[in-house]
Amino acid sequence: MSRPLSIESPADFERLANEYFDKCESTDRRPTVNGLALALGLSSRQSLLNYGEREGFLDAVKRVRTRLEDEWEQGLVGGNAAGTIFWLKNQGWSDKTETELYGKDGGPVQHVTTFKLAPLE
């Protein structure tokens, strides 16, 4: 027997989430996954993610998560974005650097090895 839903419909889920976001905005506080879970009456961030697996809730959970990520992306604007980058990476985002090497005129890279022989002393 599964536990009864604490939030009965996707509309209720989004309504409660929007109330949380509004409260954060009015108190100048950045919303968080755990803060959202608590505002929804859930016991953990995993409970929040589990709602996405329930019938009819996937889109509501995605919209709420996207709104959270948008809030944190906005933190990339400004002087010190290290905390925001850390948060986004923990949400599955990544940064990567790709380097491609080309030789002369876009051709292959040439590797030349030169040996110089010197007399033994």
N, C-alpha and C. Protein backbone atom coordinates (compact mmCIF):
# COMPACT_ATOMS: atom_id res chain seq x y z
N MET A 1 0.85 -1.18 0.00
CA MET A 1 0.00 0.00 0.00
C MET A 1 0.89 1.23 0.00
N SER A 2 0.65 2.14 -0.93
CA SER A 2 1.49 3.34 -1.01
C SER A 2 0.94 4.44 -0.10
N ARG A 3 1.86 5.34 0.23
CA ARG A 3 1.47 6.47 1.07
C ARG A 3 0.51 7.38 0.32
N PRO A 4 -0.43 7.97 1.04
CA PRO A 4 -1.33 8.93 0.36
C PRO A 4 -0.54 10.18 -0.03
N LEU A 5 -0.98 10.79 -1.11
CA LEU A 5 -0.32 12.02 -1.57
C LEU A 5 -0.57 13.15 -0.59
N SER A 6 0.51 13.89 -0.26
CA SER A 6 0.28 15.09 0.55
C SER A 6 -0.24 16.22 -0.33
N ILE A 7 0.07 16.16 -1.62
CA ILE A 7 -0.42 17.14 -2.58
C ILE A 7 -1.25 16.35 -3.59
N GLU A 8 -2.52 16.66 -3.67
CA GLU A 8 -3.44 15.80 -4.41
C GLU A 8 -3.46 15.99 -5.91
N SER A 9 -3.09 17.19 -6.40
CA SER A 9 -3.16 17.41 -7.84
C SER A 9 -1.97 18.26 -8.30
N PRO A 10 -1.65 18.17 -9.59
CA PRO A 10 -0.58 19.02 -10.13
C PRO A 10 -0.89 20.51 -9.94
N ALA A 11 -2.16 20.88 -10.03
CA ALA A 11 -2.53 22.29 -9.82
C ALA A 11 -2.22 22.72 -8.39
N ASP A 12 -2.52 21.87 -7.41
CA ASP A 12 -2.18 22.18 -6.01
C ASP A 12 -0.67 22.27 -5.84
N PHE A 13 0.06 21.37 -6.49
CA PHE A 13 1.52 21.37 -6.43
C PHE A 13 2.06 22.72 -6.91
N GLU A 14 1.59 23.17 -8.07
CA GLU A 14 2.08 24.44 -8.62
C GLU A 14 1.61 25.63 -7.80
N ARG A 15 0.39 25.58 -7.27
CA ARG A 15 -0.10 26.67 -6.43
C ARG A 15 0.78 26.83 -5.20
N LEU A 16 1.07 25.73 -4.52
CA LEU A 16 1.92 25.79 -3.32
C LEU A 16 3.34 26.24 -3.67
N ALA A 17 3.86 25.76 -4.80
CA ALA A 17 5.19 26.17 -5.23
C ALA A 17 5.22 27.67 -5.53
N ASN A 18 4.20 28.17 -6.21
CA ASN A 18 4.14 29.60 -6.52
C ASN A 18 4.04 30.45 -5.26
N GLU A 19 3.31 29.96 -4.26
CA GLU A 19 3.25 30.68 -2.98
C GLU A 19 4.64 30.76 -2.36
N TYR A 20 5.40 29.66 -2.46
CA TYR A 20 6.77 29.65 -1.94
C TYR A 20 7.64 30.66 -2.69
N PHE A 21 7.56 30.66 -4.03
CA PHE A 21 8.35 31.59 -4.81
C PHE A 21 7.97 33.04 -4.49
N ASP A 22 6.68 33.31 -4.34
CA ASP A 22 6.23 34.67 -4.00
C ASP A 22 6.77 35.09 -2.64
N LYS A 23 6.74 34.17 -1.68
CA LYS A 23 7.27 34.47 -0.34
C LYS A 23 8.77 34.77 -0.40
N CYS A 24 9.49 33.98 -1.16
CA CYS A 24 10.93 34.21 -1.32
C CYS A 24 11.19 35.59 -1.92
N GLU A 25 10.41 35.93 -2.94
CA GLU A 25 10.59 37.23 -3.59
C GLU A 25 10.28 38.37 -2.62
N SER A 26 9.23 38.24 -1.83
CA SER A 26 8.85 39.32 -0.92
C SER A 26 9.83 39.48 0.25
N THR A 27 10.57 38.42 0.56
CA THR A 27 11.54 38.49 1.66
C THR A 27 12.98 38.58 1.16
N ASP A 28 13.13 38.75 -0.16
CA ASP A 28 14.45 38.88 -0.78
C ASP A 28 15.33 37.66 -0.49
N ARG A 29 14.72 36.50 -0.54
CA ARG A 29 15.43 35.26 -0.27
C ARG A 29 15.44 34.40 -1.54
N ARG A 30 16.56 33.81 -1.86
CA ARG A 30 16.65 32.96 -3.05
C ARG A 30 15.99 31.62 -2.77
N PRO A 31 15.10 31.15 -3.66
CA PRO A 31 14.46 29.86 -3.45
C PRO A 31 15.46 28.71 -3.61
N THR A 32 15.24 27.65 -2.88
CA THR A 32 16.10 26.47 -2.94
C THR A 32 15.24 25.23 -3.09
N VAL A 33 15.87 24.14 -3.48
CA VAL A 33 15.14 22.88 -3.63
C VAL A 33 14.61 22.44 -2.27
N ASN A 34 15.46 22.48 -1.26
CA ASN A 34 15.01 22.05 0.07
C ASN A 34 13.96 22.99 0.65
N GLY A 35 14.12 24.28 0.42
CA GLY A 35 13.11 25.23 0.87
C GLY A 35 11.77 24.96 0.23
N LEU A 36 11.81 24.65 -1.06
CA LEU A 36 10.58 24.32 -1.79
C LEU A 36 9.96 23.05 -1.23
N ALA A 37 10.79 22.03 -0.99
CA ALA A 37 10.27 20.77 -0.44
C ALA A 37 9.56 21.03 0.89
N LEU A 38 10.18 21.82 1.75
CA LEU A 38 9.56 22.13 3.04
C LEU A 38 8.26 22.90 2.86
N ALA A 39 8.25 23.86 1.94
CA ALA A 39 7.04 24.65 1.70
C ALA A 39 5.90 23.79 1.17
N LEU A 40 6.25 22.71 0.47
CA LEU A 40 5.24 21.80 -0.07
C LEU A 40 4.79 20.78 0.98
N GLY A 41 5.39 20.83 2.16
CA GLY A 41 5.02 19.89 3.21
C GLY A 41 5.69 18.53 3.06
N LEU A 42 6.79 18.50 2.31
CA LEU A 42 7.49 17.25 2.07
C LEU A 42 8.66 17.12 3.03
N SER A 43 9.16 15.90 3.17
CA SER A 43 10.22 15.67 4.15
C SER A 43 11.62 15.72 3.57
N SER A 44 11.75 15.74 2.23
CA SER A 44 13.08 15.75 1.64
C SER A 44 13.02 16.21 0.19
N ARG A 45 14.18 16.53 -0.35
CA ARG A 45 14.24 16.90 -1.77
C ARG A 45 13.90 15.69 -2.63
N GLN A 46 14.22 14.49 -2.15
CA GLN A 46 13.88 13.28 -2.90
C GLN A 46 12.37 13.13 -3.03
N SER A 47 11.64 13.49 -1.98
CA SER A 47 10.17 13.44 -2.05
C SER A 47 9.67 14.37 -3.15
N LEU A 48 10.30 15.52 -3.27
CA LEU A 48 9.95 16.47 -4.33
C LEU A 48 10.19 15.83 -5.70
N LEU A 49 11.34 15.22 -5.88
CA LEU A 49 11.66 14.58 -7.15
C LEU A 49 10.72 13.41 -7.44
N ASN A 50 10.32 12.70 -6.40
CA ASN A 50 9.42 11.56 -6.58
C ASN A 50 8.06 11.98 -7.14
N TYR A 51 7.64 13.20 -6.87
CA TYR A 51 6.37 13.67 -7.43
C TYR A 51 6.40 13.65 -8.95
N GLY A 52 7.57 13.86 -9.54
CA GLY A 52 7.68 13.82 -10.99
C GLY A 52 7.38 12.46 -11.58
N GLU A 53 7.43 11.42 -10.75
CA GLU A 53 7.15 10.07 -11.22
C GLU A 53 5.68 9.70 -11.05
N ARG A 54 4.92 10.55 -10.39
CA ARG A 54 3.50 10.27 -10.18
C ARG A 54 2.70 10.71 -11.41
N GLU A 55 1.67 9.97 -11.68
CA GLU A 55 0.83 10.26 -12.85
C GLU A 55 0.33 11.70 -12.84
N GLY A 56 0.60 12.40 -13.94
CA GLY A 56 0.10 13.76 -14.12
C GLY A 56 0.95 14.85 -13.51
N PHE A 57 1.97 14.51 -12.73
CA PHE A 57 2.76 15.52 -12.02
C PHE A 57 4.04 15.93 -12.74
N LEU A 58 4.47 15.18 -13.75
CA LEU A 58 5.77 15.41 -14.37
C LEU A 58 5.94 16.84 -14.86
N ASP A 59 4.96 17.35 -15.62
CA ASP A 59 5.09 18.71 -16.15
C ASP A 59 5.12 19.76 -15.04
N ALA A 60 4.33 19.57 -14.01
CA ALA A 60 4.31 20.53 -12.90
C ALA A 60 5.66 20.54 -12.20
N VAL A 61 6.23 19.37 -11.96
CA VAL A 61 7.54 19.30 -11.30
C VAL A 61 8.61 19.93 -12.19
N LYS A 62 8.55 19.65 -13.49
CA LYS A 62 9.53 20.24 -14.42
C LYS A 62 9.43 21.76 -14.42
N ARG A 63 8.21 22.31 -14.44
CA ARG A 63 8.05 23.77 -14.44
C ARG A 63 8.63 24.38 -13.18
N VAL A 64 8.36 23.75 -12.04
CA VAL A 64 8.86 24.26 -10.76
C VAL A 64 10.38 24.18 -10.71
N ARG A 65 10.95 23.06 -11.16
CA ARG A 65 12.41 22.91 -11.18
C ARG A 65 13.04 23.92 -12.13
N THR A 66 12.40 24.15 -13.27
CA THR A 66 12.91 25.12 -14.23
C THR A 66 12.90 26.52 -13.63
N ARG A 67 11.85 26.82 -12.89
CA ARG A 67 11.80 28.14 -12.23
C ARG A 67 12.92 28.28 -11.20
N LEU A 68 13.18 27.22 -10.45
CA LEU A 68 14.30 27.24 -9.50
C LEU A 68 15.62 27.49 -10.22
N GLU A 69 15.84 26.76 -11.31
CA GLU A 69 17.08 26.92 -12.05
C GLU A 69 17.19 28.32 -12.64
N ASP A 70 16.07 28.87 -13.10
CA ASP A 70 16.09 30.24 -13.61
C ASP A 70 16.52 31.22 -12.54
N GLU A 71 16.00 31.05 -11.33
CA GLU A 71 16.39 31.92 -10.23
C GLU A 71 17.89 31.87 -10.00
N TRP A 72 18.46 30.66 -10.05
CA TRP A 72 19.89 30.50 -9.80
C TRP A 72 20.71 30.96 -11.00
N GLU A 73 20.21 30.78 -12.21
CA GLU A 73 20.90 31.29 -13.39
C GLU A 73 21.03 32.80 -13.31
N GLN A 74 19.99 33.46 -12.78
CA GLN A 74 20.04 34.91 -12.66
C GLN A 74 21.19 35.34 -11.76
N GLY A 75 21.59 34.45 -10.84
CA GLY A 75 22.72 34.75 -9.97
C GLY A 75 24.05 34.77 -10.70
N LEU A 76 24.07 34.27 -11.93
CA LEU A 76 25.30 34.31 -12.71
C LEU A 76 25.63 35.73 -13.15
N VAL A 77 24.65 36.60 -13.11
CA VAL A 77 24.87 38.00 -13.46
C VAL A 77 25.39 38.69 -12.20
N GLY A 78 26.54 39.31 -12.33
CA GLY A 78 27.08 40.00 -11.17
C GLY A 78 28.51 39.57 -10.90
N GLY A 79 29.00 40.01 -9.75
CA GLY A 79 30.41 39.85 -9.42
C GLY A 79 30.86 38.44 -9.08
N ASN A 80 30.24 37.79 -8.11
CA ASN A 80 30.73 36.50 -7.65
C ASN A 80 29.68 35.43 -7.91
N ALA A 81 29.91 34.64 -8.92
CA ALA A 81 28.92 33.64 -9.31
C ALA A 81 29.30 32.23 -8.87
N ALA A 82 30.34 32.08 -8.05
CA ALA A 82 30.83 30.74 -7.69
C ALA A 82 29.74 29.89 -7.03
N GLY A 83 29.00 30.46 -6.09
CA GLY A 83 27.95 29.70 -5.41
C GLY A 83 26.86 29.27 -6.37
N THR A 84 26.50 30.15 -7.29
CA THR A 84 25.47 29.84 -8.27
C THR A 84 25.94 28.72 -9.19
N ILE A 85 27.19 28.80 -9.63
CA ILE A 85 27.74 27.76 -10.50
C ILE A 85 27.74 26.42 -9.76
N PHE A 86 28.15 26.44 -8.50
CA PHE A 86 28.16 25.22 -7.69
C PHE A 86 26.76 24.63 -7.60
N TRP A 87 25.77 25.48 -7.33
CA TRP A 87 24.39 25.01 -7.21
C TRP A 87 23.92 24.39 -8.53
N LEU A 88 24.16 25.08 -9.64
CA LEU A 88 23.72 24.57 -10.93
C LEU A 88 24.38 23.24 -11.27
N LYS A 89 25.67 23.10 -10.95
CA LYS A 89 26.35 21.82 -11.21
C LYS A 89 25.72 20.70 -10.39
N ASN A 90 25.28 21.00 -9.18
CA ASN A 90 24.62 20.00 -8.36
C ASN A 90 23.22 19.66 -8.87
N GLN A 91 22.71 20.46 -9.78
CA GLN A 91 21.41 20.19 -10.39
C GLN A 91 21.57 19.50 -11.74
N GLY A 92 22.80 19.12 -12.07
CA GLY A 92 23.02 18.38 -13.31
C GLY A 92 23.62 19.20 -14.44
N TRP A 93 23.79 20.50 -14.25
CA TRP A 93 24.42 21.32 -15.27
C TRP A 93 25.91 21.00 -15.28
N SER A 94 26.58 21.32 -16.37
CA SER A 94 28.02 21.11 -16.43
C SER A 94 28.66 22.19 -17.27
N ASP A 95 29.92 22.37 -17.02
CA ASP A 95 30.69 23.24 -17.90
C ASP A 95 31.84 22.42 -18.44
N LYS A 96 32.23 22.71 -19.65
CA LYS A 96 33.33 21.96 -20.22
C LYS A 96 34.06 22.85 -21.22
N THR A 97 35.30 22.51 -21.40
CA THR A 97 36.13 23.23 -22.36
C THR A 97 36.58 22.23 -23.41
N GLU A 98 36.43 22.60 -24.64
CA GLU A 98 36.89 21.75 -25.73
C GLU A 98 38.00 22.48 -26.46
N THR A 99 39.05 21.76 -26.77
CA THR A 99 40.18 22.35 -27.49
C THR A 99 40.44 21.51 -28.74
N GLU A 100 40.50 22.17 -29.87
CA GLU A 100 40.83 21.49 -31.11
C GLU A 100 42.11 22.10 -31.64
N LEU A 101 43.03 21.26 -32.03
CA LEU A 101 44.30 21.72 -32.57
C LEU A 101 44.33 21.50 -34.06
N TYR A 102 44.84 22.49 -34.78
CA TYR A 102 44.98 22.40 -36.23
C TYR A 102 46.40 22.79 -36.59
N GLY A 103 46.85 22.21 -37.67
CA GLY A 103 48.15 22.59 -38.20
C GLY A 103 48.03 23.78 -39.13
N LYS A 104 49.10 24.02 -39.88
CA LYS A 104 49.14 25.14 -40.82
C LYS A 104 47.99 25.05 -41.81
N ASP A 105 47.32 26.15 -42.03
CA ASP A 105 46.19 26.26 -42.97
C ASP A 105 45.06 25.28 -42.66
N GLY A 106 44.89 24.94 -41.40
CA GLY A 106 43.80 24.06 -40.99
C GLY A 106 44.08 22.59 -41.20
N GLY A 107 45.29 22.26 -41.64
CA GLY A 107 45.66 20.86 -41.88
C GLY A 107 45.99 20.14 -40.58
N PRO A 108 46.45 18.91 -40.71
CA PRO A 108 46.78 18.15 -39.51
C PRO A 108 47.99 18.74 -38.79
N VAL A 109 48.04 18.49 -37.52
CA VAL A 109 49.17 18.95 -36.72
C VAL A 109 50.37 18.09 -37.09
N GLN A 110 51.47 18.74 -37.39
CA GLN A 110 52.70 18.04 -37.74
C GLN A 110 53.55 17.94 -36.49
N HIS A 111 54.09 16.76 -36.28
CA HIS A 111 54.98 16.55 -35.14
C HIS A 111 56.35 16.19 -35.68
N VAL A 112 57.35 16.98 -35.37
CA VAL A 112 58.70 16.74 -35.85
C VAL A 112 59.59 16.53 -34.64
N THR A 113 60.35 15.44 -34.67
CA THR A 113 61.30 15.16 -33.60
C THR A 113 62.70 15.29 -34.19
N THR A 114 63.55 16.07 -33.55
CA THR A 114 64.90 16.28 -34.02
C THR A 114 65.87 15.74 -32.98
N PHE A 115 66.86 14.94 -33.46
CA PHE A 115 67.89 14.44 -32.57
C PHE A 115 69.19 15.12 -32.96
N LYS A 116 69.93 15.51 -31.97
CA LYS A 116 71.23 16.13 -32.23
C LYS A 116 72.28 15.24 -31.55
N LEU A 117 73.22 14.77 -32.32
CA LEU A 117 74.26 13.94 -31.78
C LEU A 117 75.44 14.81 -31.40
N ALA A 118 75.97 14.54 -30.26
CA ALA A 118 77.15 15.28 -29.81
C ALA A 118 78.22 14.27 -29.46
N PRO A 119 79.48 14.64 -29.66
CA PRO A 119 80.55 13.69 -29.34
C PRO A 119 80.63 13.47 -27.83
N LEU A 120 81.02 12.26 -27.44
CA LEU A 120 81.22 11.95 -26.04
C LEU A 120 82.47 12.64 -25.55
N GLU A 121 82.50 13.07 -24.35
CA GLU A 121 83.70 13.75 -23.84
C GLU A 121 84.46 12.88 -22.93
